[in-house]
Amino acid sequence: MTSLLPSSTRPTAPPGAGRSRPPAVLVTGAGGPAGVAVVRRLTALGHRVVGVDADATAAGAALATVGAVVPRADHVRFVDALVALAAAHGADALIGTVAEELPALAAGAGRLAAAGVATWLPDPDAVGICCDKAAFARALRSAGVPHPATADTPAGLATVPGPWVVKPRAGRGSRGVRLLDVRAEVVEAMHADASLIAQTRLAGREFTADALVGRDGELVTVVPRWRDDTRAGISVKGTTFDSAEVTAVVAAALEAVRLTGPANVQGFVADDGRATVVEINPRFSGGLPLTLAAGADVVSAHLTGIRDPHATLPHLWFTPGVRMSRYFAETYTSDDGSPVADPCAATAVRA
């Protein structure tokens, strides 16, 4: 795996770089579930993919055509590393799969464009709202979109009925989330950590929806699915479903924050059918493979919109009732980063 950590030098072009070859797609966050899903979809379609991550052992980098290590997004050389890799491997488009990287990518979009790398990045203000749960609650309340009552101070808890979910103002993957039933415990937690917010705990069935919003704000698709089973905030079992109510509230939430590009919207459907949005992740989701299996190829549509900002993206339909059951899979590499054969890979069986 190529290394572009701060102490590294610019990579040299691989053998055969002078020959004609199709352009590659640079995918960041190749170690996360969303990054792995994007890498796998692009490679399955025959694209050359450069998968990058700050973690040298990122699984998606091993699954990509080329894997590379880059600095974290908060490092001054993050964009330098991406530009160097694009030049070395002929990448003409970038897909970011980590929400926390989006501000750095937006700031470096001009440099990427000058290097011939096209991007489609959401407005930094929209990303900021989505990544700040208190700001997100205010935006949805202002737009009249159903959202759980939220307080970001102990004093504000007076208007938030229990039981409660207490969580970090900025966070993901269910990290630091606590379910509390006693108001005094919520107040104590918020006094101890000013970064926490408290929300009314919703009843009903949990859903998530993958969405793609065009550059003009038009919805390309909304694919809702039930979160039948989750572990560490990642869906491991799910089922797609069709609901006009859920689609409408998802669309309203996306419009309220003015997000474009890929998005993952999470919420609950009450017993009476009313849908409430809890949060929006401004990126592809870890459950993306189910949306792809249901027929909505949001990855290809997004790539089309990256390479051609003026392209008209058609509405993507999907099949309700498609079920997913996720299992672990492995990648193997040697000390020098070269692949090691999968001992469980399918082989031809002789009759």
Protein backbone atom coordinates (compact mmCIF):
# COMPACT_ATOMS: atom_id res chain seq x y z
CA MET A 1 0.00 0.00 0.00
CA THR A 2 1.30 3.43 -0.94
CA SER A 3 2.06 5.65 2.06
CA LEU A 4 1.49 9.39 2.01
CA LEU A 5 1.93 10.10 5.69
CA PRO A 6 3.74 13.36 6.57
CA SER A 7 7.22 11.78 6.40
CA SER A 8 6.63 10.22 2.99
CA THR A 9 7.72 11.44 -0.39
CA ARG A 10 5.52 11.89 -3.43
CA PRO A 11 4.75 8.48 -4.98
CA THR A 12 6.16 7.60 -8.37
CA ALA A 13 3.88 6.63 -11.23
CA PRO A 14 3.20 2.89 -11.42
CA PRO A 15 4.49 0.77 -14.33
CA GLY A 16 2.55 1.38 -17.50
CA ALA A 17 1.42 4.85 -16.40
CA GLY A 18 2.26 6.21 -19.84
CA ARG A 19 -0.19 3.88 -21.59
CA SER A 20 -3.79 4.86 -22.19
CA ARG A 21 -6.04 3.80 -19.33
CA PRO A 22 -9.45 4.84 -18.03
CA PRO A 23 -9.48 7.50 -15.32
CA ALA A 24 -9.65 6.35 -11.73
CA VAL A 25 -11.93 7.38 -8.87
CA LEU A 26 -10.35 8.50 -5.61
CA VAL A 27 -12.39 7.29 -2.58
CA THR A 28 -11.58 8.63 0.88
CA GLY A 29 -12.46 6.88 4.14
CA ALA A 30 -11.81 3.45 2.65
CA GLY A 31 -11.66 1.92 6.12
CA GLY A 32 -15.28 2.68 7.08
CA PRO A 33 -18.40 0.73 6.10
CA ALA A 34 -19.52 3.44 3.65
CA GLY A 35 -16.09 3.62 2.05
CA VAL A 36 -15.89 -0.15 1.67
CA ALA A 37 -19.34 -0.21 0.05
CA VAL A 38 -18.43 2.55 -2.44
CA VAL A 39 -15.13 0.87 -3.32
CA ARG A 40 -16.81 -2.49 -3.86
CA ARG A 41 -19.55 -1.03 -6.05
CA LEU A 42 -17.13 0.92 -8.23
CA THR A 43 -14.75 -2.01 -8.70
CA ALA A 44 -17.70 -4.31 -9.48
CA LEU A 45 -18.63 -1.92 -12.30
CA GLY A 46 -15.08 -2.03 -13.67
CA HIS A 47 -13.85 1.34 -12.45
CA ARG A 48 -10.26 1.81 -11.37
CA VAL A 49 -10.39 2.87 -7.73
CA VAL A 50 -7.79 4.49 -5.49
CA GLY A 51 -8.93 3.78 -1.93
CA VAL A 52 -7.33 5.97 0.73
CA ASP A 53 -7.51 6.12 4.51
CA ALA A 54 -5.44 7.31 7.45
CA ASP A 55 -5.35 3.70 8.65
CA ALA A 56 -2.77 1.55 6.86
CA THR A 57 -4.90 -1.55 7.50
CA ALA A 58 -8.12 -0.15 5.97
CA ALA A 59 -10.05 -3.00 4.37
CA GLY A 60 -11.42 -0.86 1.54
CA ALA A 61 -7.91 0.10 0.47
CA ALA A 62 -7.10 -3.60 0.06
CA LEU A 63 -10.26 -4.06 -2.03
CA ALA A 64 -9.49 -1.09 -4.30
CA THR A 65 -7.34 -1.19 -7.43
CA VAL A 66 -4.75 0.84 -5.50
CA GLY A 67 -4.64 1.48 -1.76
CA ALA A 68 -2.84 4.36 -0.09
CA VAL A 69 -2.35 5.89 3.35
CA VAL A 70 -2.99 9.62 3.68
CA PRO A 71 -2.83 12.02 6.63
CA ARG A 72 -5.97 12.77 8.61
CA ALA A 73 -8.21 15.49 7.23
CA ASP A 74 -7.07 17.95 9.89
CA HIS A 75 -3.45 17.68 8.73
CA VAL A 76 -2.03 20.44 6.55
CA ARG A 77 -0.91 17.90 3.92
CA PHE A 78 -4.23 16.09 3.55
CA VAL A 79 -5.18 17.72 0.25
CA ASP A 80 -1.54 17.60 -0.95
CA ALA A 81 -1.64 13.83 -0.52
CA LEU A 82 -4.88 13.51 -2.50
CA VAL A 83 -3.53 15.67 -5.33
CA ALA A 84 -0.32 13.60 -5.48
CA LEU A 85 -2.23 10.33 -5.60
CA ALA A 86 -4.57 11.62 -8.30
CA ALA A 87 -1.58 12.60 -10.43
CA ALA A 88 0.18 9.28 -9.84
CA HIS A 89 -2.82 7.10 -10.67
CA GLY A 90 -4.80 9.20 -13.13
CA ALA A 91 -7.83 9.95 -10.92
CA ASP A 92 -10.31 12.47 -12.32
CA ALA A 93 -13.00 12.29 -9.62
CA LEU A 94 -13.18 12.12 -5.83
CA ILE A 95 -15.86 10.62 -3.59
CA GLY A 96 -15.56 11.46 0.10
CA THR A 97 -17.26 9.04 2.50
CA VAL A 98 -16.36 10.66 5.86
CA ALA A 99 -18.47 13.60 7.06
CA GLU A 100 -15.63 15.05 9.14
CA GLU A 101 -13.44 15.27 6.02
CA LEU A 102 -15.93 17.31 4.00
CA PRO A 103 -14.86 20.78 5.27
CA ALA A 104 -11.23 20.07 4.39
CA LEU A 105 -12.23 18.74 0.98
CA ALA A 106 -14.41 21.81 0.35
CA ALA A 107 -11.52 24.09 1.29
CA GLY A 108 -9.24 22.17 -1.09
CA ALA A 109 -11.74 21.81 -3.94
CA GLY A 110 -10.03 24.51 -6.00
CA ARG A 111 -6.65 22.78 -5.76
CA LEU A 112 -8.22 19.44 -6.61
CA ALA A 113 -9.95 20.97 -9.64
CA ALA A 114 -6.68 22.53 -10.79
CA ALA A 115 -5.17 19.04 -10.65
CA GLY A 116 -8.00 17.68 -12.81
CA VAL A 117 -9.97 16.06 -9.97
CA ALA A 118 -13.71 16.78 -10.05
CA THR A 119 -15.71 16.92 -6.83
CA TRP A 120 -19.32 17.34 -5.76
CA LEU A 121 -19.25 18.52 -2.17
CA PRO A 122 -22.16 19.78 -0.07
CA ASP A 123 -22.22 23.33 1.26
CA PRO A 124 -19.99 23.52 4.38
CA ASP A 125 -22.81 25.24 6.29
CA ALA A 126 -25.12 22.30 5.56
CA VAL A 127 -22.44 19.87 6.71
CA GLY A 128 -21.90 21.91 9.87
CA ILE A 129 -25.59 21.77 10.73
CA CYS A 130 -25.79 18.02 10.15
CA CYS A 131 -22.69 17.37 12.29
CA ASP A 132 -23.95 19.50 15.20
CA LYS A 133 -26.97 17.80 16.74
CA ALA A 134 -28.09 20.94 18.58
CA ALA A 135 -27.90 23.09 15.43
CA PHE A 136 -29.66 20.33 13.50
CA ALA A 137 -32.51 20.30 16.01
CA ARG A 138 -32.92 24.07 15.68
CA ALA A 139 -32.92 23.89 11.88
CA LEU A 140 -35.63 21.21 11.78
CA ARG A 141 -37.73 22.94 14.44
CA SER A 142 -37.54 26.19 12.46
CA ALA A 143 -38.64 24.39 9.28
CA GLY A 144 -41.46 22.54 11.03
CA VAL A 145 -39.97 19.10 10.37
CA PRO A 146 -40.86 16.48 13.02
CA HIS A 147 -37.88 16.06 15.33
CA PRO A 148 -37.54 14.97 18.97
CA ALA A 149 -37.58 17.72 21.61
CA THR A 150 -33.95 18.68 22.25
CA ALA A 151 -32.00 20.59 24.91
CA ASP A 152 -28.33 21.53 24.87
CA THR A 153 -28.28 23.00 28.39
CA PRO A 154 -29.60 21.70 31.73
CA ALA A 155 -31.96 24.69 31.90
CA GLY A 156 -33.47 23.81 28.54
CA LEU A 157 -34.37 20.35 29.80
CA ALA A 158 -37.58 21.80 31.28
CA THR A 159 -39.16 21.71 27.79
CA VAL A 160 -37.94 18.20 26.94
CA PRO A 161 -40.15 15.42 28.33
CA GLY A 162 -38.65 12.07 29.26
CA PRO A 163 -37.55 9.39 28.95
CA TRP A 164 -34.34 10.75 27.45
CA VAL A 165 -31.48 9.96 25.11
CA VAL A 166 -28.29 11.75 26.13
CA LYS A 167 -25.60 11.94 23.46
CA PRO A 168 -22.58 13.99 22.35
CA ARG A 169 -23.41 17.08 20.34
CA ALA A 170 -20.98 15.83 17.70
CA GLY A 171 -20.53 12.11 17.30
CA ARG A 172 -21.53 9.02 15.39
CA GLY A 173 -21.83 5.25 15.67
CA SER A 174 -23.79 5.43 18.97
CA ARG A 175 -20.60 6.45 20.79
CA GLY A 176 -21.31 8.00 24.18
CA VAL A 177 -25.10 7.52 23.89
CA ARG A 178 -26.97 6.90 27.18
CA LEU A 179 -30.62 6.07 27.78
CA LEU A 180 -31.83 7.70 31.02
CA ASP A 181 -35.18 7.67 32.79
CA VAL A 182 -34.47 10.00 35.73
CA ARG A 183 -34.34 13.75 35.07
CA ALA A 184 -31.77 14.32 37.84
CA GLU A 185 -29.37 11.92 36.12
CA VAL A 186 -29.77 13.80 32.84
CA VAL A 187 -29.06 17.12 34.55
CA GLU A 188 -26.03 15.67 36.30
CA ALA A 189 -24.66 14.28 33.02
CA MET A 190 -25.12 17.61 31.21
CA HIS A 191 -23.47 19.55 34.03
CA ALA A 192 -20.52 17.15 33.94
CA ASP A 193 -20.09 17.41 30.16
CA ALA A 194 -21.20 20.59 28.36
CA SER A 195 -20.89 18.85 24.97
CA LEU A 196 -23.93 16.64 25.66
CA ILE A 197 -27.47 17.18 24.45
CA ALA A 198 -30.65 15.51 25.69
CA GLN A 199 -33.59 14.45 23.53
CA THR A 200 -36.94 12.84 24.20
CA ARG A 201 -36.57 9.13 23.52
CA LEU A 202 -38.82 8.17 20.63
CA ALA A 203 -40.98 5.07 20.51
CA GLY A 204 -41.75 3.17 17.35
CA ARG A 205 -39.76 1.42 14.64
CA GLU A 206 -36.35 2.74 13.64
CA PHE A 207 -35.67 3.48 9.99
CA THR A 208 -32.87 4.88 7.90
CA ALA A 209 -33.11 6.23 4.37
CA ASP A 210 -30.41 6.57 1.76
CA ALA A 211 -30.97 9.65 -0.38
CA LEU A 212 -29.31 11.47 -3.25
CA VAL A 213 -30.10 15.15 -3.81
CA GLY A 214 -29.14 16.79 -7.09
CA ARG A 215 -27.02 19.90 -7.26
CA ASP A 216 -30.24 21.81 -8.00
CA GLY A 217 -31.87 20.51 -4.81
CA GLU A 218 -34.12 17.99 -6.60
CA LEU A 219 -34.42 14.55 -5.01
CA VAL A 220 -32.95 11.80 -7.17
CA THR A 221 -34.09 9.08 -4.80
CA VAL A 222 -35.09 8.20 -1.24
CA VAL A 223 -34.71 4.54 -0.25
CA PRO A 224 -36.09 3.83 3.25
CA ARG A 225 -35.20 0.66 5.12
CA TRP A 226 -36.04 -0.72 8.53
CA ARG A 227 -33.08 -1.08 10.86
CA ASP A 228 -34.00 -4.61 11.90
CA ASP A 229 -30.76 -5.13 13.85
CA THR A 230 -27.88 -2.76 14.61
CA ARG A 231 -24.51 -3.18 16.28
CA ALA A 232 -22.36 -0.20 17.31
CA GLY A 233 -24.66 2.03 15.30
CA ILE A 234 -24.21 0.00 12.07
CA SER A 235 -27.15 -1.82 10.51
CA VAL A 236 -26.47 -5.55 10.21
CA LYS A 237 -29.99 -6.56 9.20
CA GLY A 238 -32.45 -4.44 7.26
CA THR A 239 -35.41 -4.45 4.88
CA THR A 240 -36.33 -1.83 2.28
CA PHE A 241 -39.87 -0.47 2.39
CA ASP A 242 -41.99 2.11 0.61
CA SER A 243 -43.70 4.89 2.56
CA ALA A 244 -45.03 8.20 1.31
CA GLU A 245 -44.96 9.55 4.89
CA VAL A 246 -41.29 8.67 5.42
CA THR A 247 -40.28 9.92 1.98
CA ALA A 248 -42.01 13.25 2.60
CA VAL A 249 -40.42 13.86 6.01
CA VAL A 250 -36.98 12.84 4.69
CA ALA A 251 -37.36 15.26 1.78
CA ALA A 252 -38.43 18.05 4.14
CA ALA A 253 -35.45 17.44 6.43
CA LEU A 254 -32.99 17.51 3.54
CA GLU A 255 -34.52 20.72 2.25
CA ALA A 256 -34.36 22.29 5.72
CA VAL A 257 -30.57 21.89 5.88
CA ARG A 258 -30.06 22.52 2.13
CA LEU A 259 -27.96 19.42 1.67
CA THR A 260 -27.00 18.11 -1.77
CA GLY A 261 -25.28 14.90 -2.80
CA PRO A 262 -25.51 11.63 -0.86
CA ALA A 263 -27.21 11.58 2.53
CA ASN A 264 -28.31 9.11 5.15
CA VAL A 265 -31.41 10.12 7.13
CA GLN A 266 -32.34 8.33 10.36
CA GLY A 267 -35.55 8.41 12.33
CA PHE A 268 -38.54 6.56 13.76
CA VAL A 269 -42.02 5.64 12.59
CA ALA A 270 -44.60 5.70 15.40
CA ASP A 271 -47.42 3.16 15.73
CA ASP A 272 -49.81 5.65 14.11
CA GLY A 273 -47.55 5.95 11.04
CA ARG A 274 -46.09 9.38 11.80
CA ALA A 275 -42.40 9.70 10.94
CA THR A 276 -39.82 11.72 12.85
CA VAL A 277 -36.27 12.50 11.73
CA VAL A 278 -33.49 12.19 14.31
CA GLU A 279 -30.37 12.98 12.31
CA ILE A 280 -28.81 13.32 8.85
CA ASN A 281 -25.37 12.06 7.92
CA PRO A 282 -24.07 14.06 4.92
CA ARG A 283 -22.50 11.05 3.23
CA PHE A 284 -23.17 7.55 1.99
CA SER A 285 -24.26 5.16 4.74
CA GLY A 286 -22.79 1.96 6.09
CA GLY A 287 -25.99 0.21 4.96
CA LEU A 288 -25.48 1.37 1.36
CA PRO A 289 -25.20 -2.21 -0.02
CA LEU A 290 -28.90 -2.78 0.71
CA THR A 291 -29.91 0.29 -1.31
CA LEU A 292 -27.74 -0.94 -4.18
CA ALA A 293 -29.22 -4.45 -3.95
CA ALA A 294 -32.71 -2.92 -4.10
CA GLY A 295 -31.84 -1.38 -7.47
CA ALA A 296 -31.01 2.27 -6.68
CA ASP A 297 -27.44 2.76 -7.88
CA VAL A 298 -26.74 5.99 -6.04
CA VAL A 299 -22.98 5.47 -6.37
CA SER A 300 -23.04 5.53 -10.19
CA ALA A 301 -25.47 8.46 -10.21
CA HIS A 302 -23.26 10.39 -7.81
CA LEU A 303 -20.17 9.70 -9.93
CA THR A 304 -22.02 10.89 -13.04
CA GLY A 305 -22.91 14.11 -11.23
CA ILE A 306 -19.31 14.56 -10.12
CA ARG A 307 -17.85 14.20 -13.59
CA ASP A 308 -20.58 16.23 -15.27
CA PRO A 309 -22.03 18.98 -13.03
CA HIS A 310 -24.68 19.73 -15.67
CA ALA A 311 -25.88 16.14 -16.06
CA THR A 312 -29.58 15.48 -15.53
CA LEU A 313 -29.74 12.63 -13.04
CA PRO A 314 -32.79 10.40 -13.55
CA HIS A 315 -34.98 9.33 -10.66
CA LEU A 316 -33.73 6.06 -9.17
CA TRP A 317 -36.40 3.49 -8.38
CA PHE A 318 -35.98 0.68 -5.89
CA THR A 319 -37.67 -2.55 -4.88
CA PRO A 320 -39.36 -2.66 -1.45
CA GLY A 321 -39.03 -5.81 0.63
CA VAL A 322 -35.38 -6.53 -0.16
CA ARG A 323 -33.68 -7.91 2.94
CA MET A 324 -30.05 -7.73 4.00
CA SER A 325 -28.20 -9.84 6.55
CA ARG A 326 -24.62 -8.67 7.00
CA TYR A 327 -21.66 -10.87 7.82
CA PHE A 328 -17.95 -10.30 8.43
CA ALA A 329 -15.48 -10.60 5.55
CA GLU A 330 -11.71 -10.36 5.58
CA THR A 331 -8.87 -8.98 3.50
CA TYR A 332 -5.29 -10.20 3.81
CA THR A 333 -1.97 -8.53 3.05
CA SER A 334 1.69 -9.35 3.66
CA ASP A 335 4.25 -7.11 5.37
CA ASP A 336 4.95 -5.25 2.13
CA GLY A 337 1.25 -4.60 1.49
CA SER A 338 0.87 -7.16 -1.29
CA PRO A 339 -2.34 -9.22 -1.21
CA VAL A 340 -2.49 -12.66 0.37
CA ALA A 341 -4.91 -15.20 -1.08
CA ASP A 342 -8.26 -15.59 0.70
CA PRO A 343 -8.40 -19.16 2.03
CA CYS A 344 -12.21 -19.09 1.89
CA ALA A 345 -12.54 -17.77 -1.66
CA ALA A 346 -14.81 -19.80 -3.91
CA THR A 347 -13.05 -22.22 -6.25
CA ALA A 348 -14.30 -24.34 -9.10
CA VAL A 349 -15.67 -27.72 -8.01
CA ARG A 350 -14.98 -30.66 -10.25
CA ALA A 351 -17.86 -33.01 -10.97
